[in-house]
N, C-alpha and C. Protein backbone atom coordinates (compact mmCIF):
# COMPACT_ATOMS: atom_id res chain seq x y z
N MET A 1 -21.49 62.05 0.75
CA MET A 1 -22.41 61.02 1.21
C MET A 1 -22.46 59.91 0.17
N SER A 2 -22.42 58.70 0.63
CA SER A 2 -22.54 57.58 -0.29
C SER A 2 -23.65 56.64 0.17
N VAL A 3 -24.17 55.90 -0.77
CA VAL A 3 -25.25 54.97 -0.48
C VAL A 3 -24.64 53.71 0.14
N SER A 4 -25.18 53.29 1.27
CA SER A 4 -24.66 52.09 1.93
C SER A 4 -25.02 50.84 1.12
N CYS A 5 -24.27 49.79 1.34
CA CYS A 5 -24.53 48.52 0.66
C CYS A 5 -25.93 48.00 0.99
N GLN A 6 -26.34 48.22 2.23
CA GLN A 6 -27.66 47.76 2.67
C GLN A 6 -28.77 48.49 1.91
N VAL A 7 -28.63 49.79 1.75
CA VAL A 7 -29.64 50.57 1.01
C VAL A 7 -29.63 50.18 -0.46
N LEU A 8 -28.46 49.99 -1.02
CA LEU A 8 -28.36 49.59 -2.42
C LEU A 8 -29.02 48.24 -2.66
N LYS A 9 -28.85 47.31 -1.75
CA LYS A 9 -29.50 46.00 -1.86
C LYS A 9 -31.02 46.16 -1.81
N ALA A 10 -31.49 47.01 -0.91
CA ALA A 10 -32.93 47.25 -0.80
C ALA A 10 -33.48 47.88 -2.07
N LEU A 11 -32.73 48.83 -2.64
CA LEU A 11 -33.16 49.45 -3.90
C LEU A 11 -33.25 48.43 -5.02
N ARG A 12 -32.31 47.50 -5.05
CA ARG A 12 -32.32 46.47 -6.09
C ARG A 12 -33.49 45.50 -5.93
N LEU A 13 -33.99 45.35 -4.72
CA LEU A 13 -35.17 44.52 -4.50
C LEU A 13 -36.44 45.22 -4.97
N ILE A 14 -36.44 46.54 -4.92
CA ILE A 14 -37.60 47.33 -5.32
C ILE A 14 -37.64 47.55 -6.83
N LEU A 15 -36.48 47.84 -7.41
CA LEU A 15 -36.38 48.19 -8.82
C LEU A 15 -35.76 47.06 -9.64
N GLY A 16 -36.12 47.00 -10.91
CA GLY A 16 -35.49 46.05 -11.81
C GLY A 16 -34.11 46.53 -12.21
N PRO A 17 -33.31 45.64 -12.82
CA PRO A 17 -31.94 46.00 -13.20
C PRO A 17 -31.85 47.16 -14.19
N ASP A 18 -32.90 47.35 -14.98
CA ASP A 18 -32.90 48.45 -15.94
C ASP A 18 -33.40 49.76 -15.32
N GLN A 19 -33.71 49.76 -14.04
CA GLN A 19 -34.23 50.94 -13.36
C GLN A 19 -33.25 51.55 -12.36
N ILE A 20 -32.03 51.05 -12.34
CA ILE A 20 -31.04 51.55 -11.39
C ILE A 20 -29.67 51.60 -12.07
N CYS A 21 -28.99 52.72 -11.92
CA CYS A 21 -27.66 52.90 -12.51
C CYS A 21 -26.66 53.18 -11.40
N THR A 22 -25.61 52.37 -11.35
CA THR A 22 -24.57 52.57 -10.35
C THR A 22 -23.20 52.76 -10.98
N GLY A 23 -23.08 52.50 -12.27
CA GLY A 23 -21.79 52.66 -12.95
C GLY A 23 -21.40 54.13 -13.07
N LYS A 24 -20.11 54.40 -12.95
CA LYS A 24 -19.65 55.79 -12.98
C LYS A 24 -20.02 56.49 -14.28
N GLU A 25 -19.86 55.82 -15.42
CA GLU A 25 -20.17 56.43 -16.70
C GLU A 25 -21.65 56.78 -16.81
N GLU A 26 -22.50 55.87 -16.35
CA GLU A 26 -23.95 56.11 -16.38
C GLU A 26 -24.31 57.29 -15.48
N ARG A 27 -23.75 57.30 -14.27
CA ARG A 27 -24.06 58.37 -13.31
C ARG A 27 -23.56 59.72 -13.79
N LEU A 28 -22.45 59.71 -14.52
CA LEU A 28 -21.89 60.95 -15.05
C LEU A 28 -22.89 61.66 -15.97
N LEU A 29 -23.68 60.89 -16.70
CA LEU A 29 -24.68 61.48 -17.59
C LEU A 29 -25.74 62.29 -16.83
N TYR A 30 -25.94 61.97 -15.57
CA TYR A 30 -26.95 62.63 -14.74
C TYR A 30 -26.32 63.56 -13.70
N SER A 31 -25.08 63.95 -13.92
CA SER A 31 -24.35 64.75 -12.93
C SER A 31 -24.44 66.25 -13.16
N TYR A 32 -25.14 66.67 -14.18
CA TYR A 32 -25.22 68.10 -14.47
C TYR A 32 -26.57 68.43 -15.10
N ASP A 33 -26.89 69.72 -15.09
CA ASP A 33 -28.12 70.19 -15.72
C ASP A 33 -27.87 71.58 -16.28
N ALA A 34 -28.91 72.31 -16.57
CA ALA A 34 -28.80 73.62 -17.20
C ALA A 34 -28.20 74.68 -16.29
N THR A 35 -28.05 74.40 -15.01
CA THR A 35 -27.48 75.40 -14.10
C THR A 35 -25.98 75.55 -14.27
N GLY A 36 -25.35 74.57 -14.89
CA GLY A 36 -23.90 74.61 -15.06
C GLY A 36 -23.14 74.00 -13.90
N ARG A 37 -23.84 73.64 -12.85
CA ARG A 37 -23.21 72.98 -11.70
C ARG A 37 -23.18 71.48 -11.94
N SER A 38 -22.20 70.83 -11.35
CA SER A 38 -22.05 69.40 -11.54
C SER A 38 -21.86 68.71 -10.19
N CYS A 39 -22.51 67.58 -10.03
CA CYS A 39 -22.38 66.77 -8.82
C CYS A 39 -22.69 65.33 -9.20
N LEU A 40 -21.71 64.45 -9.02
CA LEU A 40 -21.88 63.05 -9.39
C LEU A 40 -22.78 62.34 -8.37
N PRO A 41 -23.94 61.83 -8.82
CA PRO A 41 -24.82 61.12 -7.89
C PRO A 41 -24.24 59.76 -7.52
N ASP A 42 -24.60 59.26 -6.36
CA ASP A 42 -24.15 57.93 -5.92
C ASP A 42 -24.89 56.83 -6.68
N VAL A 43 -26.12 57.10 -7.02
CA VAL A 43 -26.95 56.14 -7.74
C VAL A 43 -28.03 56.94 -8.48
N VAL A 44 -28.49 56.41 -9.61
CA VAL A 44 -29.58 57.03 -10.37
C VAL A 44 -30.71 56.02 -10.44
N LEU A 45 -31.91 56.45 -10.08
CA LEU A 45 -33.07 55.56 -10.03
C LEU A 45 -34.11 55.97 -11.06
N PHE A 46 -34.79 54.97 -11.62
CA PHE A 46 -35.85 55.21 -12.59
C PHE A 46 -37.10 54.42 -12.19
N PRO A 47 -37.75 54.79 -11.09
CA PRO A 47 -38.97 54.08 -10.70
C PRO A 47 -40.06 54.31 -11.73
N GLU A 48 -40.91 53.30 -11.91
CA GLU A 48 -41.96 53.37 -12.92
C GLU A 48 -43.36 53.40 -12.35
N THR A 49 -43.50 53.11 -11.07
CA THR A 49 -44.84 53.06 -10.48
C THR A 49 -44.87 53.86 -9.18
N PRO A 50 -46.06 54.31 -8.80
CA PRO A 50 -46.19 55.00 -7.51
C PRO A 50 -45.77 54.09 -6.34
N GLU A 51 -46.01 52.80 -6.47
CA GLU A 51 -45.64 51.86 -5.41
C GLU A 51 -44.12 51.82 -5.23
N GLN A 52 -43.38 51.80 -6.33
CA GLN A 52 -41.92 51.81 -6.25
C GLN A 52 -41.43 53.10 -5.59
N ILE A 53 -42.01 54.21 -5.97
CA ILE A 53 -41.61 55.50 -5.39
C ILE A 53 -41.88 55.50 -3.89
N SER A 54 -43.03 55.00 -3.49
CA SER A 54 -43.38 54.94 -2.07
C SER A 54 -42.39 54.08 -1.29
N LYS A 55 -42.04 52.92 -1.84
CA LYS A 55 -41.09 52.03 -1.16
C LYS A 55 -39.72 52.67 -1.05
N ILE A 56 -39.30 53.39 -2.08
CA ILE A 56 -37.99 54.06 -2.04
C ILE A 56 -37.98 55.11 -0.94
N PHE A 57 -39.02 55.92 -0.85
CA PHE A 57 -39.07 56.95 0.18
C PHE A 57 -39.15 56.37 1.59
N LYS A 58 -39.68 55.18 1.73
CA LYS A 58 -39.76 54.54 3.05
C LYS A 58 -38.42 53.99 3.52
N LEU A 59 -37.46 53.88 2.61
CA LEU A 59 -36.14 53.40 3.03
C LEU A 59 -35.55 54.42 3.93
């Protein structure tokens, strides 16, 4: 599954440039955890307010 261009544009309207990672190298840092499993995310988000989180979930 990949994030559509339309959704990515909407996310960029909600979040600032420092709150969204789309580069492969950046996403790779968030592709694994202590379980040992790995999955490259399509995008990594860093919302800072409840309002941003609410808007993201409404997409």
